[in-house]
Amino acid sequence: MPDAPARIRDHFLPLLRFLEIGATNRPLTQAGYLPPGIVRQLVGELGWWHWDKQPRSEADVPQITTLREFANEAGLTRTGRGRVVLTKIGNCSSCSS
């Protein structure tokens, strides 16, 4: 198998972080969003927030909405019982090396 291109992890980091969050099985808010603390952590790590006040919810960060929709449409995650959970495809422990 050929080596992965340099910096590929940088390009996939948002998706990898979202899958890591899905693996924690944390509950969503009553409105069905990621908890505000996780949103603030993501935007800080990924440089997705450039305003003085922190985002109040996932709804304030379109990149997270897009990422979440992509992961769902790609079959990597699903939302059930008030949580984002990994599917068999999204669960990296089920991947073969």
PDB file of N, CA and C in Angstrom:
ATOM      1  N   MET A   1       0.853  -1.180   0.000  1.00  0.00           N
ATOM      2  CA  MET A   1       0.000   0.000   0.000  1.00  0.00           C
ATOM      3  C   MET A   1       0.897   1.240   0.000  1.00  0.00           C
ATOM      4  N   PRO A   2       0.611   2.224  -0.834  1.00  0.00           N
ATOM      5  CA  PRO A   2       1.436   3.438  -0.864  1.00  0.00           C
ATOM      6  C   PRO A   2       1.254   4.266   0.401  1.00  0.00           C
ATOM      7  N   ASP A   3       2.274   5.045   0.713  1.00  0.00           N
ATOM      8  CA  ASP A   3       2.197   5.944   1.859  1.00  0.00           C
ATOM      9  C   ASP A   3       1.149   7.016   1.607  1.00  0.00           C
ATOM     10  N   ALA A   4       0.524   7.449   2.687  1.00  0.00           N
ATOM     11  CA  ALA A   4      -0.451   8.538   2.581  1.00  0.00           C
ATOM     12  C   ALA A   4       0.279   9.834   2.240  1.00  0.00           C
ATOM     13  N   PRO A   5      -0.353  10.701   1.463  1.00  0.00           N
ATOM     14  CA  PRO A   5       0.285  11.977   1.136  1.00  0.00           C
ATOM     15  C   PRO A   5       0.609  12.771   2.397  1.00  0.00           C
ATOM     16  N   ALA A   6       1.680  13.527   2.328  1.00  0.00           N
ATOM     17  CA  ALA A   6       2.076  14.377   3.455  1.00  0.00           C
ATOM     18  C   ALA A   6       0.923  15.313   3.814  1.00  0.00           C
ATOM     19  N   ARG A   7       0.759  15.540   5.086  1.00  0.00           N
ATOM     20  CA  ARG A   7      -0.243  16.462   5.643  1.00  0.00           C
ATOM     21  C   ARG A   7      -1.680  15.981   5.470  1.00  0.00           C
ATOM     22  N   ILE A   8      -1.889  14.727   5.097  1.00  0.00           N
ATOM     23  CA  ILE A   8      -3.266  14.227   4.932  1.00  0.00           C
ATOM     24  C   ILE A   8      -4.033  14.327   6.248  1.00  0.00           C
ATOM     25  N   ARG A   9      -3.332  14.057   7.363  1.00  0.00           N
ATOM     26  CA  ARG A   9      -3.989  14.132   8.664  1.00  0.00           C
ATOM     27  C   ARG A   9      -4.539  15.536   8.916  1.00  0.00           C
ATOM     28  N   ASP A  10      -3.802  16.564   8.476  1.00  0.00           N
ATOM     29  CA  ASP A  10      -4.278  17.942   8.644  1.00  0.00           C
ATOM     30  C   ASP A  10      -5.619  18.144   7.953  1.00  0.00           C
ATOM     31  N   HIS A  11      -5.781  17.556   6.783  1.00  0.00           N
ATOM     32  CA  HIS A  11      -7.016  17.728   6.025  1.00  0.00           C
ATOM     33  C   HIS A  11      -8.180  16.951   6.632  1.00  0.00           C
ATOM     34  N   PHE A  12      -7.858  15.834   7.264  1.00  0.00           N
ATOM     35  CA  PHE A  12      -8.900  14.994   7.851  1.00  0.00           C
ATOM     36  C   PHE A  12      -9.098  15.236   9.340  1.00  0.00           C
ATOM     37  N   LEU A  13      -8.319  16.140   9.924  1.00  0.00           N
ATOM     38  CA  LEU A  13      -8.409  16.378  11.359  1.00  0.00           C
ATOM     39  C   LEU A  13      -9.823  16.729  11.833  1.00  0.00           C
ATOM     40  N   PRO A  14     -10.556  17.617  11.158  1.00  0.00           N
ATOM     41  CA  PRO A  14     -11.919  17.902  11.637  1.00  0.00           C
ATOM     42  C   PRO A  14     -12.788  16.648  11.693  1.00  0.00           C
ATOM     43  N   LEU A  15     -12.721  15.821  10.665  1.00  0.00           N
ATOM     44  CA  LEU A  15     -13.519  14.596  10.657  1.00  0.00           C
ATOM     45  C   LEU A  15     -13.043  13.629  11.737  1.00  0.00           C
ATOM     46  N   LEU A  16     -11.744  13.479  11.889  1.00  0.00           N
ATOM     47  CA  LEU A  16     -11.221  12.607  12.941  1.00  0.00           C
ATOM     48  C   LEU A  16     -11.658  13.065  14.326  1.00  0.00           C
ATOM     49  N   ARG A  17     -11.606  14.364  14.563  1.00  0.00           N
ATOM     50  CA  ARG A  17     -12.033  14.904  15.869  1.00  0.00           C
ATOM     51  C   ARG A  17     -13.526  14.649  16.083  1.00  0.00           C
ATOM     52  N   PHE A  18     -14.328  14.811  15.031  1.00  0.00           N
ATOM     53  CA  PHE A  18     -15.755  14.573  15.172  1.00  0.00           C
ATOM     54  C   PHE A  18     -16.025  13.100  15.483  1.00  0.00           C
ATOM     55  N   LEU A  19     -15.297  12.200  14.845  1.00  0.00           N
ATOM     56  CA  LEU A  19     -15.457  10.777  15.133  1.00  0.00           C
ATOM     57  C   LEU A  19     -15.016  10.455  16.568  1.00  0.00           C
ATOM     58  N   GLU A  20     -13.974  11.116  17.031  1.00  0.00           N
ATOM     59  CA  GLU A  20     -13.556  10.928  18.425  1.00  0.00           C
ATOM     60  C   GLU A  20     -14.662  11.368  19.388  1.00  0.00           C
ATOM     61  N   ILE A  21     -15.318  12.469  19.055  1.00  0.00           N
ATOM     62  CA  ILE A  21     -16.430  12.944  19.884  1.00  0.00           C
ATOM     63  C   ILE A  21     -17.562  11.926  19.867  1.00  0.00           C
ATOM     64  N   GLY A  22     -17.871  11.392  18.678  1.00  0.00           N
ATOM     65  CA  GLY A  22     -18.906  10.367  18.574  1.00  0.00           C
ATOM     66  C   GLY A  22     -18.580   9.145  19.414  1.00  0.00           C
ATOM     67  N   ALA A  23     -17.302   8.818  19.527  1.00  0.00           N
ATOM     68  CA  ALA A  23     -16.886   7.650  20.299  1.00  0.00           C
ATOM     69  C   ALA A  23     -17.065   7.847  21.799  1.00  0.00           C
ATOM     70  N   THR A  24     -17.184   9.097  22.255  1.00  0.00           N
ATOM     71  CA  THR A  24     -17.338   9.355  23.695  1.00  0.00           C
ATOM     72  C   THR A  24     -18.763   9.124  24.182  1.00  0.00           C
ATOM     73  N   ASN A  25     -19.724   9.066  23.242  1.00  0.00           N
ATOM     74  CA  ASN A  25     -21.120   8.781  23.589  1.00  0.00           C
ATOM     75  C   ASN A  25     -21.725   9.834  24.518  1.00  0.00           C
ATOM     76  N   ARG A  26     -21.281  11.073  24.394  1.00  0.00           N
ATOM     77  CA  ARG A  26     -21.826  12.152  25.227  1.00  0.00           C
ATOM     78  C   ARG A  26     -23.211  12.545  24.747  1.00  0.00           C
ATOM     79  N   PRO A  27     -24.092  12.901  25.670  1.00  0.00           N
ATOM     80  CA  PRO A  27     -25.442  13.316  25.260  1.00  0.00           C
ATOM     81  C   PRO A  27     -25.432  14.668  24.547  1.00  0.00           C
ATOM     82  N   LEU A  28     -26.383  14.829  23.631  1.00  0.00           N
ATOM     83  CA  LEU A  28     -26.590  16.101  22.956  1.00  0.00           C
ATOM     84  C   LEU A  28     -27.448  16.992  23.847  1.00  0.00           C
ATOM     85  N   THR A  29     -27.533  18.264  23.497  1.00  0.00           N
ATOM     86  CA  THR A  29     -28.419  19.156  24.231  1.00  0.00           C
ATOM     87  C   THR A  29     -29.865  18.792  23.907  1.00  0.00           C
ATOM     88  N   GLN A  30     -30.802  19.384  24.618  1.00  0.00           N
ATOM     89  CA  GLN A  30     -32.217  19.117  24.350  1.00  0.00           C
ATOM     90  C   GLN A  30     -32.602  19.491  22.932  1.00  0.00           C
ATOM     91  N   ALA A  31     -31.918  20.493  22.367  1.00  0.00           N
ATOM     92  CA  ALA A  31     -32.190  20.914  20.991  1.00  0.00           C
ATOM     93  C   ALA A  31     -31.511  20.001  19.964  1.00  0.00           C
ATOM     94  N   GLY A  32     -30.723  19.035  20.427  1.00  0.00           N
ATOM     95  CA  GLY A  32     -30.083  18.089  19.524  1.00  0.00           C
ATOM     96  C   GLY A  32     -28.717  18.508  19.022  1.00  0.00           C
ATOM     97  N   TYR A  33     -28.091  19.475  19.709  1.00  0.00           N
ATOM     98  CA  TYR A  33     -26.773  19.960  19.318  1.00  0.00           C
ATOM     99  C   TYR A  33     -25.689  19.344  20.199  1.00  0.00           C
ATOM    100  N   LEU A  34     -24.444  19.440  19.721  1.00  0.00           N
ATOM    101  CA  LEU A  34     -23.312  19.063  20.555  1.00  0.00           C
ATOM    102  C   LEU A  34     -23.277  19.999  21.764  1.00  0.00           C
ATOM    103  N   PRO A  35     -22.821  19.527  22.913  1.00  0.00           N
ATOM    104  CA  PRO A  35     -22.723  20.398  24.088  1.00  0.00           C
ATOM    105  C   PRO A  35     -21.817  21.603  23.799  1.00  0.00           C
ATOM    106  N   PRO A  36     -22.138  22.770  24.366  1.00  0.00           N
ATOM    107  CA  PRO A  36     -21.356  23.987  24.107  1.00  0.00           C
ATOM    108  C   PRO A  36     -19.865  23.834  24.394  1.00  0.00           C
ATOM    109  N   GLY A  37     -19.500  23.092  25.426  1.00  0.00           N
ATOM    110  CA  GLY A  37     -18.085  22.906  25.739  1.00  0.00           C
ATOM    111  C   GLY A  37     -17.333  22.203  24.626  1.00  0.00           C
ATOM    112  N   ILE A  38     -17.972  21.224  24.016  1.00  0.00           N
ATOM    113  CA  ILE A  38     -17.352  20.507  22.899  1.00  0.00           C
ATOM    114  C   ILE A  38     -17.243  21.426  21.686  1.00  0.00           C
ATOM    115  N   VAL A  39     -18.266  22.229  21.448  1.00  0.00           N
ATOM    116  CA  VAL A  39     -18.243  23.177  20.328  1.00  0.00           C
ATOM    117  C   VAL A  39     -17.085  24.150  20.508  1.00  0.00           C
ATOM    118  N   ARG A  40     -16.937  24.705  21.711  1.00  0.00           N
ATOM    119  CA  ARG A  40     -15.852  25.655  21.970  1.00  0.00           C
ATOM    120  C   ARG A  40     -14.483  24.992  21.812  1.00  0.00           C
ATOM    121  N   GLN A  41     -14.370  23.753  22.249  1.00  0.00           N
ATOM    122  CA  GLN A  41     -13.120  23.021  22.116  1.00  0.00           C
ATOM    123  C   GLN A  41     -12.778  22.813  20.633  1.00  0.00           C
ATOM    124  N   LEU A  42     -13.747  22.382  19.853  1.00  0.00           N
ATOM    125  CA  LEU A  42     -13.526  22.163  18.417  1.00  0.00           C
ATOM    126  C   LEU A  42     -13.113  23.438  17.686  1.00  0.00           C
ATOM    127  N   VAL A  43     -13.840  24.517  17.921  1.00  0.00           N
ATOM    128  CA  VAL A  43     -13.512  25.748  17.194  1.00  0.00           C
ATOM    129  C   VAL A  43     -12.146  26.273  17.603  1.00  0.00           C
ATOM    130  N   GLY A  44     -11.764  26.049  18.861  1.00  0.00           N
ATOM    131  CA  GLY A  44     -10.439  26.457  19.305  1.00  0.00           C
ATOM    132  C   GLY A  44      -9.345  25.632  18.644  1.00  0.00           C
ATOM    133  N   GLU A  45      -9.528  24.330  18.619  1.00  0.00           N
ATOM    134  CA  GLU A  45      -8.535  23.429  18.013  1.00  0.00           C
ATOM    135  C   GLU A  45      -8.405  23.646  16.506  1.00  0.00           C
ATOM    136  N   LEU A  46      -9.522  23.893  15.854  1.00  0.00           N
ATOM    137  CA  LEU A  46      -9.539  23.946  14.400  1.00  0.00           C
ATOM    138  C   LEU A  46      -9.470  25.368  13.837  1.00  0.00           C
ATOM    139  N   GLY A  47      -9.470  26.366  14.718  1.00  0.00           N
ATOM    140  CA  GLY A  47      -9.379  27.751  14.259  1.00  0.00           C
ATOM    141  C   GLY A  47     -10.600  28.225  13.503  1.00  0.00           C
ATOM    142  N   TRP A  48     -11.763  27.736  13.908  1.00  0.00           N
ATOM    143  CA  TRP A  48     -12.999  28.055  13.208  1.00  0.00           C
ATOM    144  C   TRP A  48     -13.775  29.210  13.828  1.00  0.00           C
ATOM    145  N   TRP A  49     -13.202  29.931  14.758  1.00  0.00           N
ATOM    146  CA  TRP A  49     -13.943  31.020  15.401  1.00  0.00           C
ATOM    147  C   TRP A  49     -13.042  32.228  15.520  1.00  0.00           C
ATOM    148  N   HIS A  50     -13.489  33.365  15.011  1.00  0.00           N
ATOM    149  CA  HIS A  50     -12.654  34.565  14.972  1.00  0.00           C
ATOM    150  C   HIS A  50     -13.335  35.776  15.596  1.00  0.00           C
ATOM    151  N   TRP A  51     -14.277  35.538  16.487  1.00  0.00           N
ATOM    152  CA  TRP A  51     -15.002  36.624  17.122  1.00  0.00           C
ATOM    153  C   TRP A  51     -14.665  36.678  18.604  1.00  0.00           C
ATOM    154  N   ASP A  52     -15.005  37.791  19.243  1.00  0.00           N
ATOM    155  CA  ASP A  52     -14.681  37.984  20.656  1.00  0.00           C
ATOM    156  C   ASP A  52     -15.433  37.017  21.568  1.00  0.00           C
ATOM    157  N   LYS A  53     -16.731  36.917  21.378  1.00  0.00           N
ATOM    158  CA  LYS A  53     -17.540  36.024  22.218  1.00  0.00           C
ATOM    159  C   LYS A  53     -17.479  34.607  21.672  1.00  0.00           C
ATOM    160  N   GLN A  54     -17.501  33.641  22.576  1.00  0.00           N
ATOM    161  CA  GLN A  54     -17.471  32.233  22.183  1.00  0.00           C
ATOM    162  C   GLN A  54     -18.820  31.819  21.576  1.00  0.00           C
ATOM    163  N   PRO A  55     -18.833  30.805  20.721  1.00  0.00           N
ATOM    164  CA  PRO A  55     -20.115  30.342  20.178  1.00  0.00           C
ATOM    165  C   PRO A  55     -20.984  29.762  21.286  1.00  0.00           C
ATOM    166  N   ARG A  56     -22.286  29.984  21.174  1.00  0.00           N
ATOM    167  CA  ARG A  56     -23.215  29.467  22.173  1.00  0.00           C
ATOM    168  C   ARG A  56     -23.600  28.034  21.893  1.00  0.00           C
ATOM    169  N   SER A  57     -23.614  27.676  20.601  1.00  0.00           N
ATOM    170  CA  SER A  57     -24.001  26.310  20.252  1.00  0.00           C
ATOM    171  C   SER A  57     -23.436  25.967  18.882  1.00  0.00           C
ATOM    172  N   GLU A  58     -23.633  24.730  18.520  1.00  0.00           N
ATOM    173  CA  GLU A  58     -23.239  24.224  17.215  1.00  0.00           C
ATOM    174  C   GLU A  58     -23.901  25.032  16.093  1.00  0.00           C
ATOM    175  N   ALA A  59     -25.085  25.553  16.331  1.00  0.00           N
ATOM    176  CA  ALA A  59     -25.809  26.328  15.325  1.00  0.00           C
ATOM    177  C   ALA A  59     -25.055  27.601  14.935  1.00  0.00           C
ATOM    178  N   ASP A  60     -24.147  28.070  15.788  1.00  0.00           N
ATOM    179  CA  ASP A  60     -23.353  29.261  15.492  1.00  0.00           C
ATOM    180  C   ASP A  60     -22.159  28.967  14.583  1.00  0.00           C
ATOM    181  N   VAL A  61     -21.863  27.693  14.343  1.00  0.00           N
ATOM    182  CA  VAL A  61     -20.648  27.316  13.615  1.00  0.00           C
ATOM    183  C   VAL A  61     -21.021  26.448  12.415  1.00  0.00           C
ATOM    184  N   PRO A  62     -21.183  27.054  11.244  1.00  0.00           N
ATOM    185  CA  PRO A  62     -21.622  26.294  10.074  1.00  0.00           C
ATOM    186  C   PRO A  62     -20.683  25.136   9.710  1.00  0.00           C
ATOM    187  N   GLN A  63     -19.394  25.286  10.020  1.00  0.00           N
ATOM    188  CA  GLN A  63     -18.453  24.208   9.702  1.00  0.00           C
ATOM    189  C   GLN A  63     -18.802  22.923  10.460  1.00  0.00           C
ATOM    190  N   ILE A  64     -19.265  23.065  11.696  1.00  0.00           N
ATOM    191  CA  ILE A  64     -19.632  21.885  12.484  1.00  0.00           C
ATOM    192  C   ILE A  64     -20.901  21.256  11.912  1.00  0.00           C
ATOM    193  N   THR A  65     -21.846  22.079  11.521  1.00  0.00           N
ATOM    194  CA  THR A  65     -23.070  21.566  10.906  1.00  0.00           C
ATOM    195  C   THR A  65     -22.734  20.774   9.644  1.00  0.00           C
ATOM    196  N   THR A  66     -21.872  21.331   8.814  1.00  0.00           N
ATOM    197  CA  THR A  66     -21.472  20.652   7.580  1.00  0.00           C
ATOM    198  C   THR A  66     -20.739  19.351   7.888  1.00  0.00           C
ATOM    199  N   LEU A  67     -19.844  19.394   8.846  1.00  0.00           N
ATOM    200  CA  LEU A  67     -19.089  18.204   9.237  1.00  0.00           C
ATOM    201  C   LEU A  67     -20.022  17.116   9.747  1.00  0.00           C
ATOM    202  N   ARG A  68     -20.958  17.512  10.567  1.00  0.00           N
ATOM    203  CA  ARG A  68     -21.911  16.550  11.121  1.00  0.00           C
ATOM    204  C   ARG A  68     -22.785  15.941  10.030  1.00  0.00           C
ATOM    205  N   GLU A  69     -23.256  16.765   9.097  1.00  0.00           N
ATOM    206  CA  GLU A  69     -24.061  16.269   7.979  1.00  0.00           C
ATOM    207  C   GLU A  69     -23.251  15.319   7.110  1.00  0.00           C
ATOM    208  N   PHE A  70     -21.981  15.669   6.845  1.00  0.00           N
ATOM    209  CA  PHE A  70     -21.134  14.803   6.037  1.00  0.00           C
ATOM    210  C   PHE A  70     -20.944  13.442   6.707  1.00  0.00           C
ATOM    211  N   ALA A  71     -20.596  13.454   7.997  1.00  0.00           N
ATOM    212  CA  ALA A  71     -20.362  12.201   8.718  1.00  0.00           C
ATOM    213  C   ALA A  71     -21.620  11.332   8.709  1.00  0.00           C
ATOM    214  N   ASN A  72     -22.771  11.951   8.827  1.00  0.00           N
ATOM    215  CA  ASN A  72     -24.031  11.213   8.802  1.00  0.00           C
ATOM    216  C   ASN A  72     -24.311  10.644   7.405  1.00  0.00           C
ATOM    217  N   GLU A  73     -24.191  11.484   6.385  1.00  0.00           N
ATOM    218  CA  GLU A  73     -24.463  11.050   5.009  1.00  0.00           C
ATOM    219  C   GLU A  73     -23.466   9.985   4.540  1.00  0.00           C
ATOM    220  N   ALA A  74     -22.227  10.055   5.030  1.00  0.00           N
ATOM    221  CA  ALA A  74     -21.202   9.072   4.655  1.00  0.00           C
ATOM    222  C   ALA A  74     -21.369   7.763   5.424  1.00  0.00           C
ATOM    223  N   GLY A  75     -22.315   7.755   6.367  1.00  0.00           N
ATOM    224  CA  GLY A  75     -22.569   6.543   7.132  1.00  0.00           C
ATOM    225  C   GLY A  75     -21.566   6.306   8.246  1.00  0.00           C
ATOM    226  N   LEU A  76     -20.855   7.360   8.655  1.00  0.00           N
ATOM    227  CA  LEU A  76     -19.874   7.240   9.721  1.00  0.00           C
ATOM    228  C   LEU A  76     -20.490   7.418  11.102  1.00  0.00           C
ATOM    229  N   THR A  77     -21.534   8.223  11.165  1.00  0.00           N
ATOM    230  CA  THR A  77     -22.224   8.481  12.427  1.00  0.00           C
ATOM    231  C   THR A  77     -23.729   8.445  12.187  1.00  0.00           C
ATOM    232  N   ARG A  78     -24.447   8.384  13.301  1.00  0.00           N
ATOM    233  CA  ARG A  78     -25.896   8.550  13.274  1.00  0.00           C
ATOM    234  C   ARG A  78     -26.278   9.181  14.599  1.00  0.00           C
ATOM    235  N   THR A  79     -27.450   9.749  14.641  1.00  0.00           N
ATOM    236  CA  THR A  79     -27.949  10.324  15.883  1.00  0.00           C
ATOM    237  C   THR A  79     -29.053   9.422  16.392  1.00  0.00           C
ATOM    238  N   GLY A  80     -28.924   9.022  17.629  1.00  0.00           N
ATOM    239  CA  GLY A  80     -29.936   8.170  18.227  1.00  0.00           C
ATOM    240  C   GLY A  80     -29.958   8.325  19.731  1.00  0.00           C
ATOM    241  N   ARG A  81     -31.154   8.380  20.274  1.00  0.00           N
ATOM    242  CA  ARG A  81     -31.334   8.524  21.719  1.00  0.00           C
ATOM    243  C   ARG A  81     -30.558   9.708  22.300  1.00  0.00           C
ATOM    244  N   GLY A  82     -30.575  10.818  21.550  1.00  0.00           N
ATOM    245  CA  GLY A  82     -29.975  12.048  22.042  1.00  0.00           C
ATOM    246  C   GLY A  82     -28.458  12.045  22.061  1.00  0.00           C
ATOM    247  N   ARG A  83     -27.846  11.237  21.192  1.00  0.00           N
ATOM    248  CA  ARG A  83     -26.389  11.159  21.125  1.00  0.00           C
ATOM    249  C   ARG A  83     -25.948  11.008  19.676  1.00  0.00           C
ATOM    250  N   VAL A  84     -24.733  11.484  19.387  1.00  0.00           N
ATOM    251  CA  VAL A  84     -24.098  11.164  18.111  1.00  0.00           C
ATOM    252  C   VAL A  84     -23.286   9.911  18.382  1.00  0.00           C
ATOM    253  N   VAL A  85     -23.540   8.864  17.609  1.00  0.00           N
ATOM    254  CA  VAL A  85     -22.822   7.609  17.813  1.00  0.00           C
ATOM    255  C   VAL A  85     -22.167   7.176  16.506  1.00  0.00           C
ATOM    256  N   LEU A  86     -21.094   6.426  16.642  1.00  0.00           N
ATOM    257  CA  LEU A  86     -20.399   5.910  15.479  1.00  0.00           C
ATOM    258  C   LEU A  86     -21.135   4.695  14.933  1.00  0.00           C
ATOM    259  N   THR A  87     -21.158   4.583  13.633  1.00  0.00           N
ATOM    260  CA  THR A  87     -21.664   3.369  13.006  1.00  0.00           C
ATOM    261  C   THR A  87     -20.499   2.387  12.925  1.00  0.00           C
ATOM    262  N   LYS A  88     -20.767   1.207  12.429  1.00  0.00           N
ATOM    263  CA  LYS A  88     -19.695   0.223  12.257  1.00  0.00           C
ATOM    264  C   LYS A  88     -18.614   0.780  11.333  1.00  0.00           C
ATOM    265  N   ILE A  89     -19.014   1.483  10.295  1.00  0.00           N
ATOM    266  CA  ILE A  89     -18.049   2.078   9.355  1.00  0.00           C
ATOM    267  C   ILE A  89     -17.231   3.166  10.045  1.00  0.00           C
ATOM    268  N   GLY A  90     -17.863   3.981  10.870  1.00  0.00           N
ATOM    269  CA  GLY A  90     -17.163   5.087  11.526  1.00  0.00           C
ATOM    270  C   GLY A  90     -16.315   4.681  12.710  1.00  0.00           C
ATOM    271  N   ASN A  91     -16.529   3.476  13.201  1.00  0.00           N
ATOM    272  CA  ASN A  91     -15.774   3.019  14.363  1.00  0.00           C
ATOM    273  C   ASN A  91     -14.407   2.525  13.903  1.00  0.00           C
ATOM    274  N   CYS A  92     -13.399   3.310  14.182  1.00  0.00           N
ATOM    275  CA  CYS A  92     -12.046   3.001  13.702  1.00  0.00           C
ATOM    276  C   CYS A  92     -11.524   1.673  14.242  1.00  0.00           C
ATOM    277  N   SER A  93     -12.032   1.207  15.367  1.00  0.00           N
ATOM    278  CA  SER A  93     -11.562  -0.057  15.901  1.00  0.00           C
ATOM    279  C   SER A  93     -12.024  -1.216  15.039  1.00  0.00           C
ATOM    280  N   SER A  94     -13.029  -0.986  14.180  1.00  0.00           N
ATOM    281  CA  SER A  94     -13.483  -2.050  13.284  1.00  0.00           C
ATOM    282  C   SER A  94     -12.758  -2.018  11.943  1.00  0.00           C
ATOM    283  N   CYS A  95     -11.873  -1.016  11.755  1.00  0.00           N
ATOM    284  CA  CYS A  95     -11.128  -0.917  10.504  1.00  0.00           C
ATOM    285  C   CYS A  95      -9.975  -1.909  10.513  1.00  0.00           C
ATOM    286  N   SER A  96      -9.690  -2.456   9.356  1.00  0.00           N
ATOM    287  CA  SER A  96      -8.511  -3.320   9.259  1.00  0.00           C
ATOM    288  C   SER A  96      -7.320  -2.485   8.861  1.00  0.00           C
ATOM    289  N   SER A  97      -6.123  -2.889   9.311  1.00  0.00           N
ATOM    290  CA  SER A  97      -4.924  -2.107   8.979  1.00  0.00           C
ATOM    291  C   SER A  97      -4.325  -2.554   7.681  1.00  0.00           C
TER     292      SER A  97
END
